[in-house]
C-alpha atoms as a PDB file:
ATOM      1  CA  MET A   1      -6.324  28.078 -31.855  1.00  0.00           C
ATOM      2  CA  ILE A   2      -2.897  27.384 -33.235  1.00  0.00           C
ATOM      3  CA  LYS A   3      -1.675  23.958 -32.118  1.00  0.00           C
ATOM      4  CA  LEU A   4       1.862  22.728 -32.492  1.00  0.00           C
ATOM      5  CA  GLU A   5       3.296  19.564 -31.026  1.00  0.00           C
ATOM      6  CA  ASN A   6       6.845  19.052 -29.823  1.00  0.00           C
ATOM      7  CA  HIS A   7       8.652  16.450 -27.713  1.00  0.00           C
ATOM      8  CA  LEU A   8       7.251  17.976 -24.498  1.00  0.00           C
ATOM      9  CA  GLY A   9       3.589  17.950 -25.543  1.00  0.00           C
ATOM     10  CA  THR A  10       1.046  20.142 -27.329  1.00  0.00           C
ATOM     11  CA  ILE A  11       1.198  23.939 -27.357  1.00  0.00           C
ATOM     12  CA  GLU A  12      -1.997  25.895 -28.001  1.00  0.00           C
ATOM     13  CA  ILE A  13      -2.100  29.666 -28.475  1.00  0.00           C
ATOM     14  CA  SER A  14      -5.251  31.599 -29.316  1.00  0.00           C
ATOM     15  CA  GLN A  15      -5.842  33.323 -32.646  1.00  0.00           C
ATOM     16  CA  ASP A  16      -6.484  36.634 -30.835  1.00  0.00           C
ATOM     17  CA  TYR A  17      -3.042  36.583 -29.235  1.00  0.00           C
ATOM     18  CA  PHE A  18      -1.353  36.040 -32.592  1.00  0.00           C
ATOM     19  CA  ALA A  19      -3.496  38.682 -34.271  1.00  0.00           C
ATOM     20  CA  LYS A  20      -2.620  41.293 -31.653  1.00  0.00           C
ATOM     21  CA  LEU A  21       1.062  40.347 -31.650  1.00  0.00           C
ATOM     22  CA  VAL A  22       1.410  40.397 -35.437  1.00  0.00           C
ATOM     23  CA  GLY A  23      -0.791  43.469 -35.950  1.00  0.00           C
ATOM     24  CA  HIS A  24       1.138  45.479 -33.370  1.00  0.00           C
ATOM     25  CA  ALA A  25       4.514  44.471 -34.829  1.00  0.00           C
ATOM     26  CA  ALA A  26       3.445  45.370 -38.375  1.00  0.00           C
ATOM     27  CA  SER A  27       1.828  48.672 -37.378  1.00  0.00           C
ATOM     28  CA  GLU A  28       5.052  49.852 -35.718  1.00  0.00           C
ATOM     29  CA  CYS A  29       7.028  49.649 -38.977  1.00  0.00           C
ATOM     30  CA  PHE A  30       7.850  52.872 -40.811  1.00  0.00           C
ATOM     31  CA  GLY A  31       5.501  53.656 -43.688  1.00  0.00           C
ATOM     32  CA  VAL A  32       2.573  51.520 -42.509  1.00  0.00           C
ATOM     33  CA  ALA A  33      -0.535  53.717 -42.449  1.00  0.00           C
ATOM     34  CA  GLY A  34      -2.724  50.976 -40.973  1.00  0.00           C
ATOM     35  CA  MET A  35      -4.178  47.554 -41.358  1.00  0.00           C
ATOM     36  CA  VAL A  36      -6.899  46.735 -43.909  1.00  0.00           C
ATOM     37  CA  PHE A  37      -9.735  44.202 -43.548  1.00  0.00           C
ATOM     38  CA  SER A  38      -8.621  40.970 -45.178  1.00  0.00           C
ATOM     39  CA  THR A  39     -12.056  39.337 -45.319  1.00  0.00           C
ATOM     40  CA  PRO A  40     -15.648  40.615 -45.520  1.00  0.00           C
ATOM     41  CA  THR A  41     -16.297  38.881 -42.195  1.00  0.00           C
ATOM     42  CA  GLN A  42     -13.804  41.170 -40.444  1.00  0.00           C
ATOM     43  CA  GLY A  43     -15.539  44.243 -41.855  1.00  0.00           C
ATOM     44  CA  ILE A  44     -18.988  43.047 -40.780  1.00  0.00           C
ATOM     45  CA  ARG A  45     -17.758  42.184 -37.263  1.00  0.00           C
ATOM     46  CA  SER A  46     -16.245  45.659 -36.948  1.00  0.00           C
ATOM     47  CA  ILE A  47     -19.487  47.344 -38.035  1.00  0.00           C
ATOM     48  CA  VAL A  48     -21.638  45.214 -35.737  1.00  0.00           C
ATOM     49  CA  SER A  49     -19.404  45.670 -32.681  1.00  0.00           C
ATOM     50  CA  ARG A  50     -18.690  49.350 -33.526  1.00  0.00           C
ATOM     51  CA  ARG A  51     -15.053  49.077 -32.537  1.00  0.00           C
ATOM     52  CA  GLU A  52     -11.725  47.927 -33.939  1.00  0.00           C
ATOM     53  CA  ILE A  53     -11.298  44.177 -34.061  1.00  0.00           C
ATOM     54  CA  ALA A  54      -8.103  42.487 -32.901  1.00  0.00           C
ATOM     55  CA  ASP A  55      -7.437  40.510 -36.067  1.00  0.00           C
ATOM     56  CA  LYS A  56      -7.910  43.335 -38.567  1.00  0.00           C
ATOM     57  CA  GLY A  57      -5.828  42.485 -41.616  1.00  0.00           C
ATOM     58  CA  VAL A  58      -4.145  39.471 -40.017  1.00  0.00           C
ATOM     59  CA  ARG A  59      -4.499  35.776 -40.778  1.00  0.00           C
ATOM     60  CA  VAL A  60      -2.313  33.172 -39.072  1.00  0.00           C
ATOM     61  CA  ARG A  61      -2.307  29.508 -40.091  1.00  0.00           C
ATOM     62  CA  GLY A  62      -0.409  26.637 -38.536  1.00  0.00           C
ATOM     63  CA  GLY A  63       0.942  24.022 -40.870  1.00  0.00           C
ATOM     64  CA  GLY A  64       3.068  21.161 -39.631  1.00  0.00           C
ATOM     65  CA  LYS A  65       5.724  22.632 -37.371  1.00  0.00           C
ATOM     66  CA  SER A  66       5.561  26.230 -38.590  1.00  0.00           C
ATOM     67  CA  LEU A  67       3.300  29.238 -39.106  1.00  0.00           C
ATOM     68  CA  TYR A  68       2.121  31.055 -42.201  1.00  0.00           C
ATOM     69  CA  ILE A  69       1.070  34.696 -41.746  1.00  0.00           C
ATOM     70  CA  ASP A  70      -0.911  36.896 -44.158  1.00  0.00           C
ATOM     71  CA  LEU A  71      -1.013  40.671 -43.591  1.00  0.00           C
ATOM     72  CA  HIS A  72      -3.162  43.216 -45.408  1.00  0.00           C
ATOM     73  CA  ILE A  73      -1.818  46.745 -44.972  1.00  0.00           C
ATOM     74  CA  ALA A  74      -2.184  50.330 -46.138  1.00  0.00           C
ATOM     75  CA  VAL A  75       1.043  52.239 -46.801  1.00  0.00           C
ATOM     76  CA  THR A  76       1.888  55.920 -46.715  1.00  0.00           C
ATOM     77  CA  TYR A  77       2.063  57.528 -50.154  1.00  0.00           C
ATOM     78  CA  GLY A  78       5.586  58.204 -51.435  1.00  0.00           C
ATOM     79  CA  VAL A  79       7.539  55.589 -49.500  1.00  0.00           C
ATOM     80  CA  ASN A  80       9.430  52.641 -50.957  1.00  0.00           C
ATOM     81  CA  ILE A  81       6.970  49.751 -50.791  1.00  0.00           C
ATOM     82  CA  ALA A  82       9.629  47.070 -51.236  1.00  0.00           C
ATOM     83  CA  ALA A  83      11.594  48.419 -48.259  1.00  0.00           C
ATOM     84  CA  ILE A  84       8.449  48.588 -46.108  1.00  0.00           C
ATOM     85  CA  VAL A  85       7.469  45.015 -46.945  1.00  0.00           C
ATOM     86  CA  LYS A  86      10.967  43.712 -46.228  1.00  0.00           C
ATOM     87  CA  SER A  87      10.978  45.530 -42.887  1.00  0.00           C
ATOM     88  CA  ILE A  88       7.550  44.128 -41.964  1.00  0.00           C
ATOM     89  CA  VAL A  89       8.519  40.555 -42.869  1.00  0.00           C
ATOM     90  CA  ASN A  90      11.680  40.725 -40.767  1.00  0.00           C
ATOM     91  CA  LYS A  91      10.018  42.382 -37.771  1.00  0.00           C
ATOM     92  CA  VAL A  92       6.946  40.115 -37.717  1.00  0.00           C
ATOM     93  CA  GLN A  93       9.030  36.968 -38.110  1.00  0.00           C
ATOM     94  CA  TYR A  94      11.426  38.014 -35.333  1.00  0.00           C
ATOM     95  CA  THR A  95       8.637  39.146 -32.976  1.00  0.00           C
ATOM     96  CA  VAL A  96       6.570  35.963 -33.346  1.00  0.00           C
ATOM     97  CA  GLU A  97       9.554  33.643 -33.027  1.00  0.00           C
ATOM     98  CA  GLU A  98      10.838  35.462 -29.924  1.00  0.00           C
ATOM     99  CA  ALA A  99       7.436  35.681 -28.220  1.00  0.00           C
ATOM    100  CA  THR A 100       6.196  32.164 -28.946  1.00  0.00           C
ATOM    101  CA  GLY A 101       9.124  30.010 -30.010  1.00  0.00           C
ATOM    102  CA  PHE A 102       7.202  28.894 -33.117  1.00  0.00           C
ATOM    103  CA  GLU A 103       9.002  28.919 -36.459  1.00  0.00           C
ATOM    104  CA  VAL A 104       7.527  31.303 -39.042  1.00  0.00           C
ATOM    105  CA  SER A 105       7.838  29.794 -42.522  1.00  0.00           C
ATOM    106  CA  ARG A 106       6.310  32.602 -44.503  1.00  0.00           C
ATOM    107  CA  VAL A 107       4.985  36.123 -44.047  1.00  0.00           C
ATOM    108  CA  ASN A 108       2.860  37.299 -46.991  1.00  0.00           C
ATOM    109  CA  VAL A 109       2.296  41.063 -47.094  1.00  0.00           C
ATOM    110  CA  TYR A 110      -0.485  42.430 -49.298  1.00  0.00           C
ATOM    111  CA  VAL A 111      -0.523  46.180 -49.912  1.00  0.00           C
ATOM    112  CA  ASP A 112      -4.230  46.897 -50.359  1.00  0.00           C
ATOM    113  CA  ASP A 113      -4.332  50.659 -49.958  1.00  0.00           C
ATOM    114  CA  MET A 114      -2.191  53.786 -50.144  1.00  0.00           C
ATOM    115  CA  LYS A 115      -2.921  56.808 -47.944  1.00  0.00           C
ATOM    116  CA  ALA A 116      -1.724  60.390 -48.144  1.00  0.00           C
ATOM    117  CA  GLN A 117      -0.008  61.871 -45.134  1.00  0.00           C
END
């Protein structure tokens, strides 16, 4: 659960919601071939459940009044990685802030893999 307090009270949003929201926004960007497991736990959960997990490659942390997001992605071979990362950061930040109203302080994008078309 991500908890943030404001003058009206406490807001709680589940980790799964953020993972789906962020993962979907990042996957829609040009040049993203897919998400990559960010922790061994995610890989083991995927093998045990035999299906895709919602938080694949996504980690969201709440700190103070803002969010910190880590993304682990695979990119398509031959595209400009800097442009892809910039696009992902802008889209994820905009999507999360519009959907939840929470401020996103930082989006860290880790390119872990490169895939051929």
